[in-house]
Amino acid sequence: MSQDAVERVLGRLITDARFCRAVGDSLEAACLQQGYRLSPTELRLLSELELTRIAALAAGIDPGLCRADTPLA
């Protein structure tokens, strides 16, 4: 497992609304497009995350910590 890639994906999910929407369509495609190399196990485990919980966490993040080009709405 690549802990670094997992942490990067989790961080992006919380701070990048555009990436989060792309993950909602296809986790594997979104990760490949961004260059995240994840094992099948990592993809499976990340796909089990509830994106509504990620969105709730993201809503509490100060906008200064989020990507400027991706509003969290």
PDB file of N, CA and C in Angstrom:
ATOM      1  N   MET A   1       0.836  -1.194   0.000  1.00  0.00           N
ATOM      2  CA  MET A   1       0.000   0.000   0.000  1.00  0.00           C
ATOM      3  C   MET A   1       0.871   1.245   0.000  1.00  0.00           C
ATOM      4  N   SER A   2       0.407   2.239  -0.670  1.00  0.00           N
ATOM      5  CA  SER A   2       1.113   3.508  -0.703  1.00  0.00           C
ATOM      6  C   SER A   2       0.407   4.494   0.219  1.00  0.00           C
ATOM      7  N   GLN A   3       0.869   4.577   1.433  1.00  0.00           N
ATOM      8  CA  GLN A   3       0.234   5.455   2.413  1.00  0.00           C
ATOM      9  C   GLN A   3       0.229   6.901   1.933  1.00  0.00           C
ATOM     10  N   ASP A   4       1.292   7.303   1.267  1.00  0.00           N
ATOM     11  CA  ASP A   4       1.369   8.672   0.766  1.00  0.00           C
ATOM     12  C   ASP A   4       0.236   8.958  -0.221  1.00  0.00           C
ATOM     13  N   ALA A   5      -0.012   8.049  -1.140  1.00  0.00           N
ATOM     14  CA  ALA A   5      -1.078   8.252  -2.123  1.00  0.00           C
ATOM     15  C   ALA A   5      -2.444   8.268  -1.445  1.00  0.00           C
ATOM     16  N   VAL A   6      -2.649   7.397  -0.486  1.00  0.00           N
ATOM     17  CA  VAL A   6      -3.925   7.376   0.245  1.00  0.00           C
ATOM     18  C   VAL A   6      -4.139   8.703   0.960  1.00  0.00           C
ATOM     19  N   GLU A   7      -3.105   9.192   1.625  1.00  0.00           N
ATOM     20  CA  GLU A   7      -3.225  10.467   2.332  1.00  0.00           C
ATOM     21  C   GLU A   7      -3.487  11.616   1.369  1.00  0.00           C
ATOM     22  N   ARG A   8      -2.853  11.592   0.222  1.00  0.00           N
ATOM     23  CA  ARG A   8      -3.086  12.645  -0.767  1.00  0.00           C
ATOM     24  C   ARG A   8      -4.519  12.622  -1.284  1.00  0.00           C
ATOM     25  N   VAL A   9      -5.038  11.433  -1.555  1.00  0.00           N
ATOM     26  CA  VAL A   9      -6.420  11.318  -2.021  1.00  0.00           C
ATOM     27  C   VAL A   9      -7.375  11.816  -0.947  1.00  0.00           C
ATOM     28  N   LEU A  10      -7.170  11.414   0.288  1.00  0.00           N
ATOM     29  CA  LEU A  10      -8.044  11.879   1.372  1.00  0.00           C
ATOM     30  C   LEU A  10      -7.987  13.393   1.519  1.00  0.00           C
ATOM     31  N   GLY A  11      -6.798  13.953   1.448  1.00  0.00           N
ATOM     32  CA  GLY A  11      -6.659  15.407   1.527  1.00  0.00           C
ATOM     33  C   GLY A  11      -7.367  16.113   0.392  1.00  0.00           C
ATOM     34  N   ARG A  12      -7.223  15.573  -0.804  1.00  0.00           N
ATOM     35  CA  ARG A  12      -7.902  16.174  -1.953  1.00  0.00           C
ATOM     36  C   ARG A  12      -9.409  16.079  -1.814  1.00  0.00           C
ATOM     37  N   LEU A  13      -9.894  14.955  -1.296  1.00  0.00           N
ATOM     38  CA  LEU A  13     -11.342  14.820  -1.110  1.00  0.00           C
ATOM     39  C   LEU A  13     -11.886  15.900  -0.189  1.00  0.00           C
ATOM     40  N   ILE A  14     -11.114  16.276   0.810  1.00  0.00           N
ATOM     41  CA  ILE A  14     -11.568  17.249   1.794  1.00  0.00           C
ATOM     42  C   ILE A  14     -11.401  18.681   1.308  1.00  0.00           C
ATOM     43  N   THR A  15     -10.409  18.948   0.491  1.00  0.00           N
ATOM     44  CA  THR A  15     -10.093  20.332   0.124  1.00  0.00           C
ATOM     45  C   THR A  15     -10.372  20.694  -1.334  1.00  0.00           C
ATOM     46  N   ASP A  16     -10.822  19.744  -2.134  1.00  0.00           N
ATOM     47  CA  ASP A  16     -11.007  20.005  -3.566  1.00  0.00           C
ATOM     48  C   ASP A  16     -12.356  19.456  -4.013  1.00  0.00           C
ATOM     49  N   ALA A  17     -13.347  20.339  -4.097  1.00  0.00           N
ATOM     50  CA  ALA A  17     -14.706  19.929  -4.440  1.00  0.00           C
ATOM     51  C   ALA A  17     -14.772  19.311  -5.832  1.00  0.00           C
ATOM     52  N   ARG A  18     -14.007  19.829  -6.754  1.00  0.00           N
ATOM     53  CA  ARG A  18     -14.024  19.279  -8.117  1.00  0.00           C
ATOM     54  C   ARG A  18     -13.532  17.828  -8.112  1.00  0.00           C
ATOM     55  N   PHE A  19     -12.459  17.569  -7.387  1.00  0.00           N
ATOM     56  CA  PHE A  19     -11.930  16.211  -7.287  1.00  0.00           C
ATOM     57  C   PHE A  19     -12.958  15.299  -6.605  1.00  0.00           C
ATOM     58  N   CYS A  20     -13.599  15.797  -5.568  1.00  0.00           N
ATOM     59  CA  CYS A  20     -14.594  15.013  -4.856  1.00  0.00           C
ATOM     60  C   CYS A  20     -15.757  14.632  -5.785  1.00  0.00           C
ATOM     61  N   ARG A  21     -16.193  15.559  -6.618  1.00  0.00           N
ATOM     62  CA  ARG A  21     -17.258  15.252  -7.578  1.00  0.00           C
ATOM     63  C   ARG A  21     -16.786  14.204  -8.579  1.00  0.00           C
ATOM     64  N   ALA A  22     -15.547  14.322  -9.035  1.00  0.00           N
ATOM     65  CA  ALA A  22     -14.999  13.342  -9.974  1.00  0.00           C
ATOM     66  C   ALA A  22     -14.931  11.960  -9.337  1.00  0.00           C
ATOM     67  N   VAL A  23     -14.563  11.905  -8.067  1.00  0.00           N
ATOM     68  CA  VAL A  23     -14.520  10.636  -7.343  1.00  0.00           C
ATOM     69  C   VAL A  23     -15.921  10.045  -7.238  1.00  0.00           C
ATOM     70  N   GLY A  24     -16.923  10.897  -7.079  1.00  0.00           N
ATOM     71  CA  GLY A  24     -18.304  10.427  -7.034  1.00  0.00           C
ATOM     72  C   GLY A  24     -18.710   9.731  -8.317  1.00  0.00           C
ATOM     73  N   ASP A  25     -18.131  10.159  -9.434  1.00  0.00           N
ATOM     74  CA  ASP A  25     -18.398   9.505 -10.716  1.00  0.00           C
ATOM     75  C   ASP A  25     -17.591   8.224 -10.856  1.00  0.00           C
ATOM     76  N   SER A  26     -16.300   8.298 -10.544  1.00  0.00           N
ATOM     77  CA  SER A  26     -15.423   7.121 -10.641  1.00  0.00           C
ATOM     78  C   SER A  26     -14.143   7.379  -9.868  1.00  0.00           C
ATOM     79  N   LEU A  27     -14.011   6.713  -8.744  1.00  0.00           N
ATOM     80  CA  LEU A  27     -12.809   6.861  -7.926  1.00  0.00           C
ATOM     81  C   LEU A  27     -11.564   6.490  -8.727  1.00  0.00           C
ATOM     82  N   GLU A  28     -11.608   5.360  -9.387  1.00  0.00           N
ATOM     83  CA  GLU A  28     -10.438   4.891 -10.122  1.00  0.00           C
ATOM     84  C   GLU A  28     -10.038   5.871 -11.221  1.00  0.00           C
ATOM     85  N   ALA A  29     -10.993   6.351 -11.996  1.00  0.00           N
ATOM     86  CA  ALA A  29     -10.690   7.286 -13.080  1.00  0.00           C
ATOM     87  C   ALA A  29     -10.134   8.600 -12.532  1.00  0.00           C
ATOM     88  N   ALA A  30     -10.742   9.115 -11.458  1.00  0.00           N
ATOM     89  CA  ALA A  30     -10.276  10.377 -10.871  1.00  0.00           C
ATOM     90  C   ALA A  30      -8.845  10.240 -10.358  1.00  0.00           C
ATOM     91  N   CYS A  31      -8.554   9.121  -9.718  1.00  0.00           N
ATOM     92  CA  CYS A  31      -7.206   8.908  -9.183  1.00  0.00           C
ATOM     93  C   CYS A  31      -6.184   8.736 -10.304  1.00  0.00           C
ATOM     94  N   LEU A  32      -6.543   7.993 -11.332  1.00  0.00           N
ATOM     95  CA  LEU A  32      -5.629   7.820 -12.464  1.00  0.00           C
ATOM     96  C   LEU A  32      -5.351   9.157 -13.147  1.00  0.00           C
ATOM     97  N   GLN A  33      -6.399   9.949 -13.328  1.00  0.00           N
ATOM     98  CA  GLN A  33      -6.235  11.246 -13.977  1.00  0.00           C
ATOM     99  C   GLN A  33      -5.283  12.146 -13.196  1.00  0.00           C
ATOM    100  N   GLN A  34      -5.307  12.050 -11.881  1.00  0.00           N
ATOM    101  CA  GLN A  34      -4.450  12.887 -11.037  1.00  0.00           C
ATOM    102  C   GLN A  34      -3.093  12.248 -10.749  1.00  0.00           C
ATOM    103  N   GLY A  35      -2.879  11.037 -11.237  1.00  0.00           N
ATOM    104  CA  GLY A  35      -1.588  10.382 -11.069  1.00  0.00           C
ATOM    105  C   GLY A  35      -1.404   9.649  -9.755  1.00  0.00           C
ATOM    106  N   TYR A  36      -2.493   9.382  -9.044  1.00  0.00           N
ATOM    107  CA  TYR A  36      -2.404   8.637  -7.795  1.00  0.00           C
ATOM    108  C   TYR A  36      -2.352   7.147  -8.117  1.00  0.00           C
ATOM    109  N   ARG A  37      -1.275   6.519  -7.729  1.00  0.00           N
ATOM    110  CA  ARG A  37      -1.105   5.088  -7.970  1.00  0.00           C
ATOM    111  C   ARG A  37      -1.543   4.334  -6.722  1.00  0.00           C
ATOM    112  N   LEU A  38      -2.703   3.719  -6.826  1.00  0.00           N
ATOM    113  CA  LEU A  38      -3.286   3.000  -5.699  1.00  0.00           C
ATOM    114  C   LEU A  38      -3.434   1.526  -6.037  1.00  0.00           C
ATOM    115  N   SER A  39      -3.259   0.702  -5.027  1.00  0.00           N
ATOM    116  CA  SER A  39      -3.444  -0.732  -5.214  1.00  0.00           C
ATOM    117  C   SER A  39      -4.943  -1.033  -5.301  1.00  0.00           C
ATOM    118  N   PRO A  40      -5.294  -2.208  -5.821  1.00  0.00           N
ATOM    119  CA  PRO A  40      -6.713  -2.585  -5.826  1.00  0.00           C
ATOM    120  C   PRO A  40      -7.337  -2.550  -4.428  1.00  0.00           C
ATOM    121  N   THR A  41      -6.577  -2.932  -3.425  1.00  0.00           N
ATOM    122  CA  THR A  41      -7.090  -2.896  -2.050  1.00  0.00           C
ATOM    123  C   THR A  41      -7.355  -1.466  -1.612  1.00  0.00           C
ATOM    124  N   GLU A  42      -6.426  -0.561  -1.908  1.00  0.00           N
ATOM    125  CA  GLU A  42      -6.621   0.849  -1.543  1.00  0.00           C
ATOM    126  C   GLU A  42      -7.836   1.426  -2.250  1.00  0.00           C
ATOM    127  N   LEU A  43      -7.982   1.123  -3.531  1.00  0.00           N
ATOM    128  CA  LEU A  43      -9.147   1.611  -4.277  1.00  0.00           C
ATOM    129  C   LEU A  43     -10.439   1.085  -3.664  1.00  0.00           C
ATOM    130  N   ARG A  44     -10.455  -0.180  -3.299  1.00  0.00           N
ATOM    131  CA  ARG A  44     -11.651  -0.762  -2.701  1.00  0.00           C
ATOM    132  C   ARG A  44     -11.976  -0.077  -1.372  1.00  0.00           C
ATOM    133  N   LEU A  45     -10.963   0.090  -0.533  1.00  0.00           N
ATOM    134  CA  LEU A  45     -11.194   0.711   0.773  1.00  0.00           C
ATOM    135  C   LEU A  45     -11.635   2.164   0.640  1.00  0.00           C
ATOM    136  N   LEU A  46     -11.017   2.903  -0.250  1.00  0.00           N
ATOM    137  CA  LEU A  46     -11.415   4.297  -0.456  1.00  0.00           C
ATOM    138  C   LEU A  46     -12.814   4.392  -1.065  1.00  0.00           C
ATOM    139  N   SER A  47     -13.172   3.444  -1.907  1.00  0.00           N
ATOM    140  CA  SER A  47     -14.496   3.476  -2.522  1.00  0.00           C
ATOM    141  C   SER A  47     -15.599   3.225  -1.507  1.00  0.00           C
ATOM    142  N   GLU A  48     -15.241   2.663  -0.360  1.00  0.00           N
ATOM    143  CA  GLU A  48     -16.220   2.409   0.692  1.00  0.00           C
ATOM    144  C   GLU A  48     -16.491   3.641   1.557  1.00  0.00           C
ATOM    145  N   LEU A  49     -15.731   4.710   1.347  1.00  0.00           N
ATOM    146  CA  LEU A  49     -15.965   5.946   2.109  1.00  0.00           C
ATOM    147  C   LEU A  49     -17.314   6.533   1.731  1.00  0.00           C
ATOM    148  N   GLU A  50     -17.985   7.100   2.710  1.00  0.00           N
ATOM    149  CA  GLU A  50     -19.245   7.785   2.443  1.00  0.00           C
ATOM    150  C   GLU A  50     -18.930   9.232   2.072  1.00  0.00           C
ATOM    151  N   LEU A  51     -19.160   9.571   0.820  1.00  0.00           N
ATOM    152  CA  LEU A  51     -18.831  10.917   0.352  1.00  0.00           C
ATOM    153  C   LEU A  51     -19.645  11.997   1.056  1.00  0.00           C
ATOM    154  N   THR A  52     -20.809  11.639   1.576  1.00  0.00           N
ATOM    155  CA  THR A  52     -21.587  12.640   2.327  1.00  0.00           C
ATOM    156  C   THR A  52     -20.860  13.021   3.612  1.00  0.00           C
ATOM    157  N   ARG A  53     -20.170  12.063   4.219  1.00  0.00           N
ATOM    158  CA  ARG A  53     -19.381  12.381   5.419  1.00  0.00           C
ATOM    159  C   ARG A  53     -18.170  13.230   5.059  1.00  0.00           C
ATOM    160  N   ILE A  54     -17.562  12.939   3.927  1.00  0.00           N
ATOM    161  CA  ILE A  54     -16.432  13.743   3.460  1.00  0.00           C
ATOM    162  C   ILE A  54     -16.905  15.168   3.197  1.00  0.00           C
ATOM    163  N   ALA A  55     -18.063  15.312   2.560  1.00  0.00           N
ATOM    164  CA  ALA A  55     -18.616  16.645   2.274  1.00  0.00           C
ATOM    165  C   ALA A  55     -18.913  17.403   3.561  1.00  0.00           C
ATOM    166  N   ALA A  56     -19.421  16.704   4.569  1.00  0.00           N
ATOM    167  CA  ALA A  56     -19.699  17.360   5.850  1.00  0.00           C
ATOM    168  C   ALA A  56     -18.408  17.841   6.501  1.00  0.00           C
ATOM    169  N   LEU A  57     -17.373  17.029   6.438  1.00  0.00           N
ATOM    170  CA  LEU A  57     -16.077  17.438   6.976  1.00  0.00           C
ATOM    171  C   LEU A  57     -15.532  18.629   6.181  1.00  0.00           C
ATOM    172  N   ALA A  58     -15.642  18.560   4.868  1.00  0.00           N
ATOM    173  CA  ALA A  58     -15.143  19.636   4.011  1.00  0.00           C
ATOM    174  C   ALA A  58     -15.856  20.959   4.292  1.00  0.00           C
ATOM    175  N   ALA A  59     -17.133  20.876   4.627  1.00  0.00           N
ATOM    176  CA  ALA A  59     -17.898  22.096   4.910  1.00  0.00           C
ATOM    177  C   ALA A  59     -17.355  22.838   6.119  1.00  0.00           C
ATOM    178  N   GLY A  60     -16.682  22.134   7.020  1.00  0.00           N
ATOM    179  CA  GLY A  60     -16.126  22.767   8.201  1.00  0.00           C
ATOM    180  C   GLY A  60     -14.712  23.273   8.029  1.00  0.00           C
ATOM    181  N   ILE A  61     -14.141  23.073   6.856  1.00  0.00           N
ATOM    182  CA  ILE A  61     -12.773  23.505   6.581  1.00  0.00           C
ATOM    183  C   ILE A  61     -12.776  24.977   6.175  1.00  0.00           C
ATOM    184  N   ASP A  62     -11.883  25.742   6.729  1.00  0.00           N
ATOM    185  CA  ASP A  62     -11.761  27.151   6.351  1.00  0.00           C
ATOM    186  C   ASP A  62     -11.452  27.228   4.857  1.00  0.00           C
ATOM    187  N   PRO A  63     -12.165  28.078   4.114  1.00  0.00           N
ATOM    188  CA  PRO A  63     -11.929  28.192   2.669  1.00  0.00           C
ATOM    189  C   PRO A  63     -10.473  28.512   2.308  1.00  0.00           C
ATOM    190  N   GLY A  64      -9.754  29.100   3.229  1.00  0.00           N
ATOM    191  CA  GLY A  64      -8.349  29.394   2.972  1.00  0.00           C
ATOM    192  C   GLY A  64      -7.492  28.151   2.826  1.00  0.00           C
ATOM    193  N   LEU A  65      -8.010  27.023   3.281  1.00  0.00           N
ATOM    194  CA  LEU A  65      -7.274  25.760   3.171  1.00  0.00           C
ATOM    195  C   LEU A  65      -7.700  24.945   1.940  1.00  0.00           C
ATOM    196  N   CYS A  66      -8.701  25.438   1.232  1.00  0.00           N
ATOM    197  CA  CYS A  66      -9.233  24.703   0.086  1.00  0.00           C
ATOM    198  C   CYS A  66      -8.682  25.259  -1.218  1.00  0.00           C
ATOM    199  N   ARG A  67      -8.796  24.462  -2.251  1.00  0.00           N
ATOM    200  CA  ARG A  67      -8.337  24.923  -3.572  1.00  0.00           C
ATOM    201  C   ARG A  67      -9.208  26.102  -4.003  1.00  0.00           C
ATOM    202  N   ALA A  68      -8.559  27.142  -4.402  1.00  0.00           N
ATOM    203  CA  ALA A  68      -9.270  28.385  -4.731  1.00  0.00           C
ATOM    204  C   ALA A  68     -10.215  28.232  -5.908  1.00  0.00           C
ATOM    205  N   ASP A  69      -9.887  27.350  -6.831  1.00  0.00           N
ATOM    206  CA  ASP A  69     -10.702  27.218  -8.038  1.00  0.00           C
ATOM    207  C   ASP A  69     -11.851  26.228  -7.892  1.00  0.00           C
ATOM    208  N   THR A  70     -12.085  25.715  -6.693  1.00  0.00           N
ATOM    209  CA  THR A  70     -13.135  24.716  -6.524  1.00  0.00           C
ATOM    210  C   THR A  70     -14.003  25.027  -5.309  1.00  0.00           C
ATOM    211  N   PRO A  71     -15.078  25.787  -5.506  1.00  0.00           N
ATOM    212  CA  PRO A  71     -15.972  26.058  -4.385  1.00  0.00           C
ATOM    213  C   PRO A  71     -16.553  24.763  -3.839  1.00  0.00           C
ATOM    214  N   LEU A  72     -16.747  24.691  -2.526  1.00  0.00           N
ATOM    215  CA  LEU A  72     -17.201  23.462  -1.886  1.00  0.00           C
ATOM    216  C   LEU A  72     -18.713  23.302  -1.919  1.00  0.00           C
ATOM    217  N   ALA A  73     -19.406  24.032  -2.725  1.00  0.00           N
ATOM    218  CA  ALA A  73     -20.865  23.886  -2.822  1.00  0.00           C
ATOM    219  C   ALA A  73     -21.245  22.963  -3.954  1.00  0.00           C
TER     220      ALA A  73
END
